[in-house]
N, C-alpha and C. Protein backbone atom coordinates (compact mmCIF):
# COMPACT_ATOMS: atom_id res chain seq x y z
N MET A 1 226.81 112.81 -27.12
CA MET A 1 226.57 113.26 -26.27
C MET A 1 225.33 112.54 -25.86
N ALA A 2 225.01 112.29 -24.55
CA ALA A 2 223.95 111.69 -23.98
C ALA A 2 222.81 112.32 -23.54
N ASP A 3 221.72 112.05 -24.00
CA ASP A 3 220.45 112.41 -23.29
C ASP A 3 220.07 112.61 -22.02
N ILE A 4 219.60 113.45 -21.14
CA ILE A 4 219.33 113.16 -19.91
C ILE A 4 217.84 113.23 -19.87
N THR A 5 217.44 112.05 -19.37
CA THR A 5 215.79 111.66 -19.15
C THR A 5 215.90 111.72 -17.30
N ASN A 6 216.63 112.32 -16.22
CA ASN A 6 216.26 111.95 -15.06
C ASN A 6 215.40 113.13 -14.46
N PRO A 7 214.10 112.57 -14.10
CA PRO A 7 212.97 113.82 -14.33
C PRO A 7 213.26 114.74 -13.44
N GLN A 8 214.24 114.21 -12.02
CA GLN A 8 214.59 115.71 -11.59
C GLN A 8 215.50 116.60 -12.12
N ALA A 9 216.00 116.56 -12.71
CA ALA A 9 217.02 117.12 -13.55
C ALA A 9 216.04 118.00 -14.55
N ILE A 10 214.82 117.42 -15.26
CA ILE A 10 214.27 118.09 -16.50
C ILE A 10 213.48 119.11 -15.42
N LYS A 11 213.04 118.36 -13.83
CA LYS A 11 212.32 119.45 -13.12
C LYS A 11 213.01 120.73 -12.99
N PHE A 12 213.93 120.87 -12.68
CA PHE A 12 215.03 121.72 -12.14
C PHE A 12 215.08 122.71 -13.67
N SER A 13 215.27 121.90 -15.05
CA SER A 13 215.74 122.56 -15.84
C SER A 13 214.14 123.67 -16.24
N ASN A 14 212.84 123.17 -16.06
CA ASN A 14 211.58 123.72 -16.48
C ASN A 14 211.47 124.73 -15.13
N GLU A 15 211.55 124.13 -14.15
CA GLU A 15 211.43 125.33 -13.15
C GLU A 15 212.01 126.15 -12.53
N LYS A 16 213.39 125.86 -12.38
CA LYS A 16 214.55 126.65 -11.88
C LYS A 16 214.92 127.26 -13.16
N ALA A 17 215.65 126.84 -14.14
CA ALA A 17 216.78 127.42 -14.97
C ALA A 17 215.95 127.93 -16.11
N ARG A 18 214.93 127.83 -16.50
CA ARG A 18 214.35 128.28 -17.41
C ARG A 18 213.41 129.84 -16.85
N VAL A 19 212.99 129.52 -15.75
CA VAL A 19 212.13 130.94 -14.98
C VAL A 19 213.25 131.73 -14.63
N ILE A 20 214.40 131.68 -14.17
CA ILE A 20 215.80 132.21 -14.09
C ILE A 20 215.77 133.15 -15.09
N ALA A 21 216.29 132.31 -16.08
CA ALA A 21 216.38 133.28 -17.71
C ALA A 21 215.39 133.45 -17.85
N ASP A 22 214.27 133.41 -17.80
CA ASP A 22 212.80 134.16 -18.46
C ASP A 22 212.92 135.75 -17.45
N LEU A 23 213.48 135.50 -16.31
CA LEU A 23 213.40 137.04 -15.23
C LEU A 23 214.59 137.75 -15.73
N LEU A 24 215.35 136.78 -16.10
CA LEU A 24 216.82 137.56 -16.60
C LEU A 24 216.79 138.51 -17.81
N GLU A 25 216.06 137.68 -18.76
CA GLU A 25 216.15 138.28 -20.19
C GLU A 25 214.52 139.38 -19.87
N LYS A 26 213.95 139.40 -19.24
CA LYS A 26 213.07 140.56 -18.90
C LYS A 26 213.28 141.53 -18.31
N THR A 27 214.41 141.38 -17.39
CA THR A 27 215.31 142.76 -17.00
C THR A 27 216.22 143.14 -17.66
N PHE A 28 216.88 142.59 -18.51
CA PHE A 28 217.75 142.97 -19.44
C PHE A 28 217.03 143.48 -20.78
N ARG A 29 215.92 143.58 -21.21
CA ARG A 29 215.13 143.80 -22.07
C ARG A 29 214.28 145.10 -22.02
N THR A 30 213.98 144.71 -19.93
CA THR A 30 213.23 146.01 -19.79
C THR A 30 214.63 147.05 -19.54
N CYS A 31 215.61 146.78 -18.77
CA CYS A 31 216.57 147.64 -18.84
C CYS A 31 217.29 148.80 -20.25
N ASP A 32 217.43 148.00 -21.26
CA ASP A 32 217.47 148.64 -22.65
C ASP A 32 216.63 149.56 -22.63
N GLN A 33 215.02 148.99 -22.62
CA GLN A 33 213.74 150.34 -22.64
C GLN A 33 214.41 151.41 -21.65
N PHE A 34 214.28 150.74 -20.50
CA PHE A 34 214.56 152.56 -19.26
C PHE A 34 215.70 152.97 -20.05
N MET A 35 216.67 152.64 -20.63
CA MET A 35 217.53 153.74 -21.31
C MET A 35 217.06 154.49 -22.24
N LEU A 36 216.50 153.89 -22.98
CA LEU A 36 215.81 154.62 -24.04
C LEU A 36 215.19 155.66 -23.78
N ASP A 37 213.82 155.10 -22.80
CA ASP A 37 212.78 156.05 -22.45
C ASP A 37 213.17 157.05 -21.55
N ILE A 38 214.47 157.03 -20.80
CA ILE A 38 215.01 157.75 -19.38
C ILE A 38 214.87 159.48 -20.39
N VAL A 39 215.81 158.87 -21.66
CA VAL A 39 216.29 160.25 -22.24
C VAL A 39 215.07 160.77 -22.74
N GLY A 40 214.33 160.18 -23.43
CA GLY A 40 213.15 160.96 -24.24
C GLY A 40 212.14 161.23 -23.42
N GLU A 41 211.77 160.55 -22.32
CA GLU A 41 210.62 160.82 -21.60
C GLU A 41 210.75 161.28 -20.56
N PHE A 42 212.16 161.26 -19.59
CA PHE A 42 212.22 161.77 -18.44
C PHE A 42 212.97 163.10 -18.31
N GLU A 43 214.26 163.16 -19.18
CA GLU A 43 215.43 163.94 -18.79
C GLU A 43 215.30 165.30 -19.53
N GLY A 44 214.29 164.72 -20.69
CA GLY A 44 214.05 165.97 -21.97
C GLY A 44 213.05 166.51 -21.27
N ASN A 45 212.13 166.01 -20.42
CA ASN A 45 210.85 167.15 -19.61
C ASN A 45 211.19 167.21 -18.09
N THR A 46 212.13 167.13 -18.18
CA THR A 46 212.87 167.25 -16.46
C THR A 46 213.92 168.93 -16.87
N GLY A 47 214.11 168.87 -17.89
CA GLY A 47 214.95 169.98 -18.47
C GLY A 47 216.24 170.69 -17.32
N GLY A 48 215.71 171.74 -16.92
CA GLY A 48 216.75 172.71 -15.65
C GLY A 48 215.99 172.24 -14.64
N ASN A 49 215.36 171.41 -14.07
CA ASN A 49 214.85 171.71 -12.85
C ASN A 49 216.24 170.97 -11.99
N ALA A 50 216.08 171.23 -10.89
CA ALA A 50 217.06 171.06 -9.70
C ALA A 50 217.12 169.41 -9.11
N ASN A 51 218.48 168.92 -9.45
CA ASN A 51 218.33 167.81 -8.96
C ASN A 51 217.35 167.15 -7.62
N ASP A 52 217.41 168.19 -6.78
CA ASP A 52 216.60 167.72 -5.36
C ASP A 52 214.95 168.33 -5.64
N ASP A 53 214.87 168.71 -6.84
CA ASP A 53 213.28 169.12 -7.09
C ASP A 53 212.32 167.69 -6.80
N VAL A 54 211.41 167.59 -6.00
CA VAL A 54 210.59 166.46 -5.81
C VAL A 54 209.24 166.18 -6.89
N LEU A 55 209.41 165.01 -7.43
CA LEU A 55 208.29 164.64 -8.70
C LEU A 55 207.10 164.44 -7.79
N ILE A 56 206.32 165.18 -8.56
CA ILE A 56 204.53 165.09 -8.00
C ILE A 56 204.15 164.22 -8.69
N ASP A 57 204.12 163.17 -7.87
CA ASP A 57 203.22 162.22 -8.94
C ASP A 57 202.41 161.35 -7.83
N GLY A 58 201.84 161.61 -7.11
CA GLY A 58 201.15 161.33 -6.13
C GLY A 58 201.32 160.95 -4.57
N ALA A 59 202.72 160.37 -4.97
CA ALA A 59 203.63 159.43 -4.02
C ALA A 59 203.07 159.42 -2.36
N ALA A 60 202.98 161.09 -2.46
CA ALA A 60 202.98 161.40 -0.75
C ALA A 60 201.64 161.14 0.07
N SER A 61 200.18 161.19 -1.18
CA SER A 61 199.39 160.84 -0.59
C SER A 61 198.92 159.63 -0.52
N ASP A 62 200.17 158.49 -1.13
CA ASP A 62 199.36 156.93 -0.92
C ASP A 62 199.95 156.03 -0.57
N GLY A 63 201.08 156.78 0.41
CA GLY A 63 202.57 156.05 0.96
C GLY A 63 203.61 155.33 -0.06
N ARG A 64 203.55 155.84 -1.06
CA ARG A 64 205.14 155.40 -1.62
C ARG A 64 205.98 156.52 -1.39
N GLY A 65 207.26 156.21 -1.51
CA GLY A 65 208.62 156.90 -1.39
C GLY A 65 208.22 158.27 -2.07
N VAL A 66 208.84 159.18 -1.59
CA VAL A 66 209.00 160.36 -2.66
C VAL A 66 210.21 160.34 -3.66
N LEU A 67 209.74 160.54 -4.71
CA LEU A 67 211.07 160.57 -5.55
C LEU A 67 211.40 162.05 -6.34
N THR A 68 212.92 162.31 -6.21
CA THR A 68 213.18 163.64 -6.91
C THR A 68 214.16 163.36 -8.31
N LYS A 69 214.48 164.01 -8.86
CA LYS A 69 215.35 164.17 -10.16
C LYS A 69 216.44 163.18 -9.93
N LEU A 70 217.12 163.39 -8.59
CA LEU A 70 218.33 162.62 -8.18
C LEU A 70 218.43 160.94 -7.91
N ASP A 71 216.82 160.87 -7.48
CA ASP A 71 216.46 159.18 -7.11
C ASP A 71 216.30 158.95 -8.70
N ILE A 72 215.60 159.36 -9.44
CA ILE A 72 215.96 158.61 -10.65
C ILE A 72 217.35 158.86 -11.17
N GLY A 73 217.91 159.49 -11.58
CA GLY A 73 219.01 159.54 -11.56
C GLY A 73 220.31 157.97 -11.17
N ALA A 74 220.03 157.89 -10.21
CA ALA A 74 220.61 156.96 -9.13
C ALA A 74 220.47 155.69 -10.11
N LEU A 75 218.84 155.79 -10.23
CA LEU A 75 218.16 154.32 -10.62
C LEU A 75 219.04 154.02 -12.12
N LYS A 76 219.30 155.22 -12.74
CA LYS A 76 219.69 154.99 -13.68
C LYS A 76 221.00 154.43 -14.18
N PHE A 77 222.16 154.55 -12.82
CA PHE A 77 222.96 154.37 -12.54
C PHE A 77 223.17 152.96 -12.64
N VAL A 78 222.23 152.88 -11.84
CA VAL A 78 221.97 150.98 -11.33
C VAL A 78 221.75 150.23 -12.67
N VAL A 79 220.30 150.61 -13.42
CA VAL A 79 220.37 150.21 -14.73
C VAL A 79 221.85 149.76 -15.51
N GLU A 80 222.74 151.19 -15.54
CA GLU A 80 223.96 150.97 -16.20
C GLU A 80 224.90 149.90 -15.98
N LYS A 81 224.72 149.58 -14.48
CA LYS A 81 225.48 148.97 -14.10
C LYS A 81 225.06 147.36 -14.39
N ILE A 82 223.85 147.31 -14.42
CA ILE A 82 223.32 145.75 -14.73
C ILE A 82 223.45 145.44 -16.20
N GLN A 83 223.38 146.70 -17.07
CA GLN A 83 223.33 146.75 -18.51
C GLN A 83 224.93 146.03 -18.51
N GLU A 84 226.16 146.68 -18.12
CA GLU A 84 227.71 146.61 -18.15
C GLU A 84 227.72 144.75 -18.28
N ALA A 85 227.18 144.43 -16.71
CA ALA A 85 227.29 143.29 -16.25
C ALA A 85 226.73 141.91 -17.42
N ALA A 86 225.84 142.40 -17.75
CA ALA A 86 224.83 141.44 -18.63
C ALA A 86 225.81 141.49 -20.76
N ASN A 87 226.33 142.76 -20.35
CA ASN A 87 226.70 142.85 -21.87
C ASN A 87 228.43 142.14 -22.17
N VAL A 88 228.30 141.60 -20.79
CA VAL A 88 230.02 141.15 -21.03
C VAL A 88 230.21 139.84 -21.99
N SER A 89 231.15 139.89 -22.73
CA SER A 89 231.08 138.40 -23.28
C SER A 89 230.18 137.77 -23.77
N ASP A 90 229.77 136.57 -23.61
CA ASP A 90 228.48 136.20 -23.85
C ASP A 90 227.36 136.20 -23.08
N ARG A 91 227.27 136.83 -22.23
CA ARG A 91 226.14 136.45 -20.63
C ARG A 91 224.90 136.73 -21.91
N ARG A 92 224.65 137.36 -22.35
CA ARG A 92 223.05 137.74 -23.05
C ARG A 92 222.97 136.51 -23.87
N ALA A 93 223.49 136.03 -24.32
CA ALA A 93 223.61 134.77 -25.37
C ALA A 93 223.13 133.66 -24.65
N VAL A 94 223.65 133.40 -23.29
CA VAL A 94 223.64 132.06 -22.51
C VAL A 94 221.93 132.05 -21.78
N VAL A 95 221.69 133.66 -21.66
CA VAL A 95 220.60 133.75 -20.64
C VAL A 95 219.52 133.54 -22.14
N ALA A 96 219.52 134.00 -23.48
CA ALA A 96 218.78 133.97 -24.28
C ALA A 96 218.32 132.25 -24.88
N LYS A 97 219.40 131.97 -24.60
CA LYS A 97 219.36 130.21 -25.16
C LYS A 97 218.38 129.60 -24.19
N VAL A 98 218.37 129.86 -23.14
CA VAL A 98 217.63 129.30 -21.60
C VAL A 98 216.38 129.88 -21.52
N SER A 99 216.24 131.08 -21.95
CA SER A 99 214.76 131.62 -21.84
C SER A 99 213.73 131.07 -22.82
N VAL A 100 212.15 131.44 -22.34
CA VAL A 100 211.26 131.05 -23.26
C VAL A 100 210.81 132.22 -23.75
N ASN A 101 210.37 132.74 -22.67
CA ASN A 101 209.30 134.06 -22.55
C ASN A 101 209.94 135.19 -22.08
N GLY A 102 210.94 135.96 -22.07
CA GLY A 102 211.19 137.32 -21.43
C GLY A 102 211.24 138.73 -21.94
N GLN A 103 210.00 138.61 -22.15
CA GLN A 103 209.16 139.87 -22.52
C GLN A 103 209.80 141.03 -21.65
N PRO A 104 210.01 142.32 -22.48
CA PRO A 104 210.51 143.69 -21.44
C PRO A 104 208.84 144.05 -20.82
N ALA A 105 209.12 144.52 -19.57
CA ALA A 105 208.05 145.00 -18.73
C ALA A 105 207.37 145.95 -18.83
N PHE A 106 208.04 147.10 -20.06
CA PHE A 106 207.19 148.00 -20.48
C PHE A 106 207.99 148.29 -22.10
């Protein structure tokens, strides 16, 4: 195996490949934590509320979109799909090998 010393290839590796791998790793880890937290911190605390009940989080007063329990459920579905795609074959291992600093967002 020959060493690659081309400056453009090295720049691409450091500035693009590793950057996207870090973002993907951060996404994967944040999705994992979100799925743990949604049960412990959200679903357990909204109990019997209807799916169309509005979360009173101050959004209406500062311009953010108003959320319902159903909106959070839809987001959970998206996160599950990201996890499914990430966990096929060795995709996470490929990303982890290239990633340098993919810390979760929370």
